[in-house]
Protein backbone atom coordinates (compact mmCIF):
# COMPACT_ATOMS: atom_id res chain seq x y z
CA MET A 1 15.15 1.72 51.33
CA THR A 2 11.90 2.84 52.87
CA TYR A 3 9.85 3.17 49.68
CA PRO A 4 11.91 1.80 46.77
CA CYS A 5 10.46 2.67 43.40
CA PHE A 6 7.07 3.77 44.70
CA ARG A 7 6.93 6.04 41.67
CA PHE A 8 6.19 3.15 39.34
CA LEU A 9 5.08 0.40 41.72
CA PRO A 10 3.17 -2.04 39.49
CA THR A 11 -0.51 -2.69 39.96
CA CYS A 12 -1.67 -6.27 39.62
CA ARG A 13 -4.67 -8.55 39.92
CA PHE A 14 -3.58 -10.54 42.97
CA LEU A 15 0.18 -10.88 42.75
CA PRO A 16 1.61 -13.20 45.45
CA ALA A 17 3.54 -11.36 48.15
CA SER A 18 6.55 -13.59 47.47
CA LEU A 19 6.99 -11.92 44.08
CA TRP A 20 6.72 -8.28 45.17
CA ALA A 21 10.40 -8.11 46.12
CA ALA A 22 11.44 -8.90 42.56
CA LEU A 23 9.11 -6.24 41.21
CA ILE A 24 10.26 -3.35 43.41
CA ILE A 25 14.03 -3.76 43.27
CA PRO A 26 15.58 -0.96 41.17
CA ILE A 27 16.63 -2.49 37.88
CA SER A 28 20.07 -0.90 37.98
CA LEU A 29 20.85 -3.15 40.94
CA PHE A 30 20.58 -6.16 38.68
CA SER A 31 22.71 -9.15 37.96
CA PRO A 32 26.03 -8.94 36.15
CA ALA A 33 26.62 -9.44 32.46
CA ALA A 34 24.13 -11.56 30.58
CA PRO A 35 26.04 -14.76 29.76
CA ALA A 36 26.36 -16.46 26.40
CA SER A 37 23.32 -18.60 27.28
CA THR A 38 21.01 -15.71 26.37
CA HIS A 39 19.62 -15.86 22.83
CA GLU A 40 17.46 -13.47 20.83
CA PHE A 41 15.06 -14.21 17.97
CA ILE A 42 12.65 -12.02 15.99
CA LEU A 43 9.56 -13.48 14.34
CA GLY A 44 8.34 -12.22 10.98
CA ASN A 45 5.48 -10.35 12.67
CA GLY A 46 7.87 -8.36 14.85
CA LEU A 47 7.61 -10.34 18.09
CA ARG A 48 10.95 -10.35 19.91
CA LEU A 49 11.84 -13.52 21.76
CA ILE A 50 14.63 -13.60 24.33
CA VAL A 51 15.59 -16.96 25.81
CA LYS A 52 17.95 -17.40 28.75
CA GLU A 53 19.09 -20.89 29.69
CA ASP A 54 19.17 -21.88 33.36
CA HIS A 55 19.42 -25.63 33.81
CA ARG A 56 19.51 -25.84 37.61
CA SER A 57 15.95 -27.15 37.84
CA PRO A 58 13.31 -28.41 35.36
CA VAL A 59 11.36 -25.17 35.53
CA VAL A 60 10.53 -22.47 33.00
CA ILE A 61 9.37 -18.87 33.37
CA SER A 62 7.42 -17.43 30.44
CA GLN A 63 6.64 -13.71 30.39
CA ILE A 64 5.01 -11.59 27.68
CA TRP A 65 5.67 -7.86 28.02
CA TYR A 66 3.60 -5.25 26.16
CA LYS A 67 5.17 -1.84 25.67
CA ALA A 68 2.06 -0.03 26.87
CA GLY A 69 1.38 1.21 30.36
CA SER A 70 -0.19 4.18 32.06
CA ILE A 71 2.31 6.48 30.29
CA ASP A 72 0.36 5.81 27.09
CA GLU A 73 -3.07 6.71 28.50
CA VAL A 74 -4.91 9.96 27.84
CA ASN A 75 -6.95 12.22 30.12
CA GLY A 76 -10.32 10.74 30.94
CA ARG A 77 -9.16 7.16 30.43
CA THR A 78 -6.56 6.74 33.16
CA GLY A 79 -6.39 3.22 34.55
CA VAL A 80 -7.45 1.54 31.30
CA ALA A 81 -4.14 -0.35 30.95
CA HIS A 82 -4.68 -1.94 34.34
CA VAL A 83 -8.37 -2.59 33.71
CA LEU A 84 -7.53 -4.38 30.46
CA GLU A 85 -4.99 -6.47 32.37
CA HIS A 86 -7.89 -7.69 34.55
CA MET A 87 -10.07 -8.34 31.51
CA MET A 88 -7.38 -10.49 29.88
CA PHE A 89 -8.40 -13.28 32.26
CA LYS A 90 -12.04 -13.23 31.12
CA GLY A 91 -11.50 -15.63 28.27
CA THR A 92 -11.54 -16.18 24.53
CA LYS A 93 -13.84 -18.29 22.37
CA LYS A 94 -11.34 -21.11 22.62
CA VAL A 95 -10.59 -20.70 26.34
CA PRO A 96 -13.64 -19.43 28.29
CA GLY A 97 -13.36 -17.20 31.35
CA GLY A 98 -11.52 -18.81 34.25
CA GLU A 99 -10.13 -21.63 32.11
CA PHE A 100 -6.73 -19.96 31.61
CA SER A 101 -5.94 -19.98 35.33
CA ARG A 102 -7.49 -23.42 35.85
CA LEU A 103 -5.40 -25.01 33.10
CA ILE A 104 -2.16 -23.49 34.40
CA ALA A 105 -2.98 -24.63 37.95
CA ALA A 106 -3.86 -28.12 36.72
CA ALA A 107 -0.43 -28.24 35.08
CA GLY A 108 1.17 -27.50 38.44
CA GLY A 109 2.04 -23.93 37.52
CA ARG A 110 1.20 -20.44 38.65
CA GLU A 111 0.38 -17.33 36.66
CA ASN A 112 -0.39 -13.66 37.12
CA ALA A 113 0.06 -10.22 35.61
CA PHE A 114 1.05 -6.68 36.54
CA THR A 115 0.75 -3.19 35.10
CA GLY A 116 3.33 -0.44 35.46
CA GLN A 117 3.76 3.05 34.16
CA ASP A 118 5.76 1.84 31.15
CA TYR A 119 4.48 -1.66 30.40
CA THR A 120 2.02 -4.46 31.13
CA ALA A 121 3.23 -8.03 31.61
CA TYR A 122 1.76 -11.52 32.01
CA PHE A 123 3.67 -14.54 33.27
CA GLN A 124 3.54 -18.25 33.96
CA GLN A 125 5.87 -20.51 35.92
CA LEU A 126 5.64 -24.24 35.10
CA HIS A 127 7.51 -27.46 34.57
CA LYS A 128 9.55 -27.13 31.39
CA SER A 129 7.40 -29.74 29.62
CA ARG A 130 4.35 -27.46 29.91
CA LEU A 131 5.85 -24.46 28.11
CA PRO A 132 3.74 -25.26 24.99
CA LEU A 133 0.60 -24.88 27.12
CA ALA A 134 1.67 -21.46 28.37
CA MET A 135 2.44 -20.27 24.84
CA GLU A 136 -0.79 -21.66 23.43
CA LEU A 137 -2.90 -19.89 26.06
CA GLU A 138 -1.00 -16.59 26.00
CA SER A 139 -0.87 -16.32 22.23
CA ASP A 140 -4.60 -17.04 22.03
CA ARG A 141 -5.52 -14.08 24.20
CA MET A 142 -3.08 -11.74 22.46
CA ARG A 143 -5.65 -11.16 19.71
CA ASN A 144 -8.72 -13.28 20.50
CA LEU A 145 -9.93 -11.83 23.78
CA VAL A 146 -13.71 -11.68 24.19
CA LEU A 147 -14.78 -8.46 25.88
CA THR A 148 -18.39 -8.30 27.05
CA GLU A 149 -20.36 -5.60 28.83
CA GLU A 150 -21.42 -8.13 31.48
CA GLU A 151 -17.90 -9.15 32.46
CA PHE A 152 -16.61 -5.60 32.25
CA SER A 153 -19.30 -4.27 34.59
CA LYS A 154 -18.25 -6.87 37.18
CA GLU A 155 -14.50 -6.38 36.84
CA ILE A 156 -14.54 -2.58 36.91
CA LYS A 157 -16.10 -2.83 40.38
CA VAL A 158 -13.20 -5.05 41.44
CA VAL A 159 -10.71 -2.48 40.19
CA MET A 160 -12.50 0.37 41.98
CA GLU A 161 -12.45 -1.61 45.20
CA GLU A 162 -8.76 -2.31 44.65
CA ARG A 163 -8.20 1.42 44.42
CA ARG A 164 -10.14 2.00 47.65
CA LEU A 165 -8.21 -0.68 49.52
CA ARG A 166 -4.73 0.17 48.28
CA THR A 167 -4.89 3.94 47.82
CA ASP A 168 -7.98 5.73 49.12
CA ASP A 169 -7.85 3.94 52.50
CA GLN A 170 -4.04 4.10 52.80
CA ALA A 171 -2.80 7.49 53.97
CA ARG A 172 0.76 7.18 52.69
CA SER A 173 -0.44 5.89 49.33
CA LEU A 174 -2.56 9.03 49.06
CA VAL A 175 0.48 11.14 49.92
CA HIS A 176 2.56 9.50 47.19
CA GLU A 177 -0.24 9.76 44.64
CA THR A 178 -0.74 13.46 45.38
CA LEU A 179 3.00 14.04 45.40
CA MET A 180 3.29 12.65 41.87
CA ALA A 181 0.26 14.58 40.64
CA THR A 182 1.87 17.79 41.91
CA SER A 183 5.51 17.11 41.06
CA TYR A 184 4.74 16.38 37.41
CA GLN A 185 3.03 19.26 35.65
CA SER A 186 2.20 17.64 32.31
CA HIS A 187 3.90 14.25 32.00
CA PRO A 188 1.60 11.19 32.23
CA TYR A 189 3.54 9.98 35.28
CA ARG A 190 1.35 12.40 37.21
CA HIS A 191 -1.52 9.91 36.84
CA PRO A 192 -1.72 6.81 39.06
CA VAL A 193 -1.36 3.46 37.33
CA ILE A 194 -4.65 2.29 38.80
CA GLY A 195 -6.36 5.41 37.45
CA TRP A 196 -8.38 8.22 38.99
CA MET A 197 -11.63 7.05 40.53
CA ASN A 198 -13.77 9.30 38.33
CA ASP A 199 -12.20 7.80 35.22
CA LEU A 200 -12.86 4.28 36.50
CA GLN A 201 -16.47 5.14 37.32
CA ASN A 202 -17.03 6.39 33.78
CA MET A 203 -15.00 3.80 31.89
CA THR A 204 -16.73 1.59 29.34
CA VAL A 205 -16.02 -1.75 27.80
CA GLU A 206 -15.34 0.10 24.56
CA ASP A 207 -12.45 1.95 26.24
CA ALA A 208 -10.91 -1.39 27.16
CA ARG A 209 -11.53 -2.78 23.68
CA GLN A 210 -9.85 0.20 21.99
CA TRP A 211 -6.82 -0.14 24.27
CA TYR A 212 -6.57 -3.86 23.52
CA GLU A 213 -6.86 -3.38 19.76
CA ARG A 214 -4.40 -0.48 19.84
CA TRP A 215 -1.53 -2.01 21.82
CA TYR A 216 -1.83 -5.81 22.02
CA ALA A 217 0.10 -6.99 19.00
CA PRO A 218 3.27 -9.04 18.43
CA ASN A 219 5.30 -6.06 17.22
CA ASN A 220 4.61 -4.28 20.52
CA ALA A 221 5.61 -7.22 22.68
CA VAL A 222 8.65 -9.02 24.05
CA LEU A 223 8.42 -12.70 24.96
CA VAL A 224 10.94 -13.69 27.64
CA VAL A 225 11.60 -17.33 28.49
CA VAL A 226 14.04 -18.31 31.24
CA GLY A 227 14.70 -21.84 32.47
CA ASP A 228 15.70 -25.37 31.59
CA VAL A 229 15.10 -25.03 27.87
CA VAL A 230 16.79 -25.38 24.48
CA PRO A 231 16.63 -21.96 22.75
CA ARG A 232 15.96 -23.28 19.25
CA GLN A 233 13.08 -25.38 20.51
CA VAL A 234 11.61 -22.35 22.27
CA PHE A 235 11.86 -20.39 19.05
CA ASP A 236 10.02 -23.15 17.17
CA LEU A 237 7.25 -23.09 19.77
CA ALA A 238 6.98 -19.31 19.56
CA ARG A 239 6.79 -19.44 15.79
CA LYS A 240 4.09 -22.12 16.01
CA TYR A 241 1.84 -20.28 18.47
CA TYR A 242 2.62 -16.59 17.85
CA GLY A 243 3.86 -16.63 14.27
CA GLN A 244 0.43 -16.45 12.61
CA ILE A 245 -0.68 -13.33 14.51
CA LYS A 246 -0.61 -10.25 12.31
CA LYS A 247 1.44 -7.23 13.29
CA ALA A 248 -0.28 -3.89 13.97
CA LYS A 249 0.79 -1.32 11.39
CA SER A 250 -0.23 1.63 13.59
CA ILE A 251 2.23 0.84 16.40
CA LEU A 252 5.49 2.77 16.37
CA PRO A 253 8.70 1.62 18.05
CA LEU A 254 9.42 3.37 21.35
CA ASP A 255 12.10 5.60 19.86
CA GLN A 256 9.65 6.89 17.22
CA ARG A 257 6.75 7.77 19.53
CA LYS A 258 6.07 11.39 20.35
CA PRO A 259 8.33 12.69 23.10
CA GLN A 260 6.66 13.67 26.36
CA ILE A 261 8.99 16.14 28.05
CA GLU A 262 8.20 17.47 31.52
CA PRO A 263 8.53 21.28 31.68
CA LYS A 264 11.27 22.63 33.92
CA GLN A 265 10.07 23.25 37.46
CA LEU A 266 10.29 26.93 38.44
CA GLY A 267 10.31 26.71 42.22
CA ILE A 268 9.58 24.56 45.23
CA LYS A 269 6.08 23.07 45.55
CA ARG A 270 4.42 22.21 48.87
CA LEU A 271 1.21 20.38 49.63
CA THR A 272 -0.62 18.88 52.58
CA VAL A 273 -2.72 15.73 52.52
CA LYS A 274 -5.30 15.27 55.27
CA ALA A 275 -6.16 11.62 55.82
CA PRO A 276 -6.91 9.27 58.71
CA ALA A 277 -3.58 8.05 60.10
CA GLN A 278 -1.73 7.46 63.34
CA LEU A 279 1.45 9.38 62.52
CA PRO A 280 2.48 12.35 60.39
CA TYR A 281 4.82 11.78 57.47
CA VAL A 282 6.81 13.77 54.92
CA ALA A 283 7.83 12.77 51.38
CA MET A 284 10.12 14.79 49.11
CA ALA A 285 10.59 14.32 45.35
CA TYR A 286 13.36 15.91 43.26
CA HIS A 287 13.29 15.79 39.46
CA ALA A 288 16.25 13.79 38.15
CA PRO A 289 17.42 12.23 34.87
CA SER A 290 16.72 8.63 33.89
CA LEU A 291 19.10 6.31 32.08
CA ARG A 292 19.08 6.84 28.32
CA LYS A 293 22.54 5.86 27.06
CA PRO A 294 24.03 3.24 29.38
CA GLU A 295 27.56 3.59 27.98
CA LYS A 296 27.74 7.39 27.93
CA ASP A 297 25.59 8.46 30.89
CA TRP A 298 27.13 8.85 34.34
CA GLU A 299 24.64 10.88 36.39
CA PRO A 300 22.05 8.09 36.85
CA TYR A 301 24.74 5.80 38.23
CA ALA A 302 25.94 8.48 40.63
CA LEU A 303 22.36 9.06 41.78
CA GLU A 304 21.99 5.31 42.45
CA MET A 305 25.11 5.46 44.59
CA LEU A 306 23.81 8.58 46.34
CA ALA A 307 20.65 6.70 47.31
CA GLY A 308 22.81 3.88 48.63
CA VAL A 309 24.97 6.22 50.69
CA LEU A 310 21.89 7.77 52.26
CA ASP A 311 19.81 4.63 52.69
CA GLY A 312 21.54 1.47 51.51
CA ASN A 313 21.83 -0.34 54.86
CA GLU A 314 21.42 0.01 58.61
CA SER A 315 24.62 2.07 58.88
CA ALA A 316 23.70 4.41 56.01
CA ARG A 317 23.56 8.12 56.76
CA LEU A 318 19.85 8.72 57.21
CA ASN A 319 19.32 5.81 59.58
CA LYS A 320 22.56 6.48 61.45
CA VAL A 321 22.07 10.22 61.93
CA LEU A 322 18.33 10.93 61.86
CA VAL A 323 17.10 7.75 63.55
CA ARG A 324 19.84 6.57 65.91
CA GLU A 325 21.85 9.69 66.76
CA GLN A 326 19.48 12.67 66.55
CA ARG A 327 16.32 10.59 67.11
CA VAL A 328 14.37 13.10 65.07
CA ALA A 329 12.80 10.35 62.95
CA SER A 330 11.55 6.86 63.68
CA ALA A 331 12.23 6.01 60.02
CA ALA A 332 13.88 7.83 57.13
CA GLY A 333 14.75 6.77 53.61
CA ALA A 334 15.96 7.63 50.14
CA SER A 335 15.32 5.99 46.78
CA TYR A 336 15.96 6.49 43.09
CA ASP A 337 15.22 4.36 40.04
CA SER A 338 17.09 5.22 36.86
CA THR A 339 15.20 2.99 34.45
CA ALA A 340 12.01 4.36 32.92
CA ARG A 341 10.62 5.54 29.61
CA GLY A 342 9.95 8.94 31.16
CA PRO A 343 11.74 11.23 33.61
CA ALA A 344 13.03 9.94 36.94
CA ALA A 345 12.91 11.37 40.45
CA PHE A 346 14.98 11.13 43.63
CA TYR A 347 12.96 10.59 46.81
CA LEU A 348 13.47 11.30 50.50
CA ASP A 349 10.94 10.50 53.20
CA GLY A 350 10.60 10.26 56.95
CA THR A 351 8.33 9.73 59.94
CA PRO A 352 8.88 11.96 63.01
CA SER A 353 9.83 10.41 66.33
CA GLU A 354 7.64 11.07 69.36
CA GLY A 355 7.82 14.75 70.24
CA LYS A 356 9.16 15.73 66.81
CA THR A 357 7.33 17.14 63.78
CA VAL A 358 7.49 16.83 60.00
CA VAL A 359 9.17 20.25 60.02
CA ASP A 360 11.95 18.75 62.15
CA VAL A 361 12.29 15.75 59.81
CA GLU A 362 12.38 17.91 56.69
CA ALA A 363 15.04 20.13 58.25
CA ALA A 364 17.10 17.08 59.21
CA LEU A 365 16.83 15.56 55.72
CA ARG A 366 17.88 18.84 54.17
CA ALA A 367 20.78 19.15 56.61
CA GLU A 368 22.11 15.75 55.60
CA ILE A 369 22.00 16.67 51.92
CA GLU A 370 23.76 19.96 52.65
CA ARG A 371 26.43 18.15 54.68
CA LEU A 372 26.99 15.67 51.86
CA VAL A 373 27.37 18.48 49.32
CA ARG A 374 29.69 20.36 51.67
CA GLU A 375 31.87 17.48 52.88
CA GLY A 376 31.44 14.91 50.12
CA VAL A 377 31.50 11.12 50.35
CA THR A 378 34.48 9.07 51.49
CA GLU A 379 36.06 6.35 49.37
CA GLU A 380 35.42 3.84 52.16
CA GLU A 381 31.74 4.78 52.38
CA LEU A 382 31.25 4.47 48.64
CA ALA A 383 33.15 1.18 48.53
CA ARG A 384 30.67 -0.32 51.02
CA VAL A 385 27.74 0.68 48.82
CA LYS A 386 29.39 -0.78 45.73
CA ALA A 387 30.03 -4.05 47.56
CA GLN A 388 26.35 -4.24 48.49
CA VAL A 389 25.38 -3.68 44.86
CA VAL A 390 27.57 -6.53 43.65
CA ALA A 391 26.31 -8.81 46.43
CA GLY A 392 22.75 -7.99 45.42
CA HIS A 393 23.52 -8.92 41.83
CA VAL A 394 24.88 -12.32 42.78
CA PHE A 395 22.00 -13.06 45.15
CA GLN A 396 19.33 -12.22 42.60
CA LEU A 397 20.78 -14.66 40.08
CA ASP A 398 19.23 -17.43 42.18
CA SER A 399 15.77 -16.45 40.93
CA MET A 400 14.69 -17.41 37.42
CA PHE A 401 11.73 -15.08 37.80
CA PHE A 402 14.04 -12.20 38.61
CA GLN A 403 16.23 -12.95 35.61
CA ALA A 404 13.17 -12.79 33.36
CA MET A 405 12.05 -9.55 35.06
CA GLN A 406 15.47 -8.05 34.43
CA ILE A 407 15.31 -8.80 30.72
CA GLY A 408 11.67 -7.84 30.24
CA GLN A 409 11.83 -4.52 32.03
CA LEU A 410 14.96 -3.34 30.23
CA GLU A 411 13.58 -4.37 26.85
CA SER A 412 10.20 -2.74 27.55
CA ILE A 413 11.62 0.72 28.25
CA GLY A 414 13.88 0.97 25.23
CA LEU A 415 17.11 -0.42 26.69
CA SER A 416 18.59 -3.88 26.07
CA TYR A 417 19.25 -6.94 28.17
CA ARG A 418 22.82 -6.61 26.89
CA ASP A 419 23.16 -3.40 28.91
CA VAL A 420 23.30 -5.17 32.26
CA ASP A 421 27.08 -5.63 32.17
CA ILE A 422 27.52 -1.98 31.21
CA ILE A 423 25.29 -0.91 34.09
CA LEU A 424 27.30 -2.91 36.61
CA ARG A 425 30.61 -1.64 35.28
CA LYS A 426 29.45 1.98 35.30
CA LEU A 427 28.09 1.66 38.85
CA GLN A 428 31.43 0.32 40.04
CA ALA A 429 33.21 3.23 38.34
CA VAL A 430 31.28 5.98 40.17
CA THR A 431 33.56 8.33 42.12
CA PRO A 432 32.91 10.23 45.36
CA GLU A 433 33.13 13.48 43.39
CA GLN A 434 30.36 12.35 41.04
CA VAL A 435 28.08 11.50 43.97
CA ARG A 436 28.66 14.94 45.42
CA ASP A 437 28.13 16.61 42.03
CA VAL A 438 24.71 15.04 41.39
CA ALA A 439 23.55 15.86 44.91
CA LYS A 440 24.50 19.49 44.37
CA LYS A 441 22.97 19.64 40.88
CA TYR A 442 19.63 17.89 41.43
CA LEU A 443 18.77 18.00 45.14
CA LYS A 444 17.85 21.67 45.17
CA ASP A 445 14.64 23.57 45.84
CA ASP A 446 13.81 24.43 42.24
CA ASN A 447 13.52 20.67 41.59
CA LEU A 448 11.64 19.85 44.77
CA THR A 449 8.07 18.95 45.70
CA ILE A 450 7.22 18.27 49.36
CA ALA A 451 4.11 16.42 50.54
CA VAL A 452 3.13 16.30 54.20
CA LEU A 453 0.62 13.95 55.77
CA ASP A 454 -1.60 15.72 58.31
CA PRO A 455 -3.05 12.78 60.26
CA GLN A 456 -6.75 12.89 60.98
CA PRO A 457 -8.61 10.80 63.59
CA LEU A 458 -8.93 7.16 62.64
CA GLU A 459 -12.47 5.95 62.09
CA GLN A 460 -13.56 2.63 63.49
CA LYS A 461 -14.91 0.69 60.53
CA ALA A 462 -15.90 -2.90 60.05
CA PRO A 463 -13.42 -4.77 57.82
CA ALA A 464 -14.43 -4.53 54.17
CA ALA A 465 -14.97 -7.71 52.21
CA VAL A 466 -12.10 -8.32 49.82
CA PRO A 467 -13.21 -8.88 46.20
CA ALA A 468 -12.36 -12.32 44.85
CA GLY A 469 -10.03 -10.82 42.28
CA LEU A 470 -7.87 -9.31 45.01
CA ARG A 471 -7.40 -12.37 47.22
CA HIS A 472 -3.92 -13.81 47.53
């Protein structure tokens, strides 16, 4: 897909490119049923520990997921979840700034973090014998972080430069950011994970401290460990390092937090973004449901299949018709992600071919949706998409990191790692009629927001220096 999951693309300190693929794959295209080698424990302070055995190599992945992301921020403080993620590497009394990363590297491991709309997560990958080190370091900064004005004033500049590099100076990123801010009227998903620049410019170390004290607690976290481990031994380690941390009484479980319902859209919305770029571009977002009850829901699964029919491979409809046959677009795509704490959206996008316009691309995208609603989807076409889904599941099992991501993301949005087998089964049960029905129900103008990139002349600028915190 052209822009899979750009709605909630995580923001990170300096995440290696090799890990981005695992982060942007829709979670409903995940591996089949969690085997019996997955174990769950709950500490007395509310920390949930999920351990999955994988004995193919002497490696372990340790991830701590906090159920707090940009969805939990308030006006005037957008971006604070991501800023705090940066500050988490500035040290504690026991482990001074920079020592966390140095110790993990000295142990032959790697570590990083990322912030999404629904969660913030930190991870380490090491030899299995060094799991105690990862737990000791991570548990220490769960409640003992030292936040100083001096370090904050340095790091907030890094975050602002990150925003400039990845959003302000990237035309399509600006289009997507503006699309979300327009599509959502009141829901926090209208705010970018990295935050609005004005909020970053006026953020204080006290804002970061309040966020840390509010959300970073064992009863708001899930610890996921995947690798060549013995579950009971992992539990003993977790109890040793995390067990003495007090729970936060003010934190409510996800299902008890105040609902944030997006008002019904009352008509099509259109906007134009003027930014330096070589080519025009159009992005379309339709409001759609997210997965809430894996066993009972069917529409999210049908929407996943719809995205696959339109843009699941080189022979999918949008590439076949718009790019190769009509040559109205040089690229066209569709995407949908069903797993989120908030509402979902179905996306279409395209870049005009030479001599064509965004009006032509929009018309062609609409025509394909209308044809699908009118003529439906064939059994053979849907069978190909389902086969690709299953193949993707099997392939992703090769990655321990991906397995941990699968568990952590599901658990952090209110679902369960046990739902993966239900998700696969329900995807395989989708019918052509259901795909047609969701296209007709949700891909309509009253649900639609359209953003167009109006390319402006490119300025010749000297390359900007990349802040140390952003280097790969």
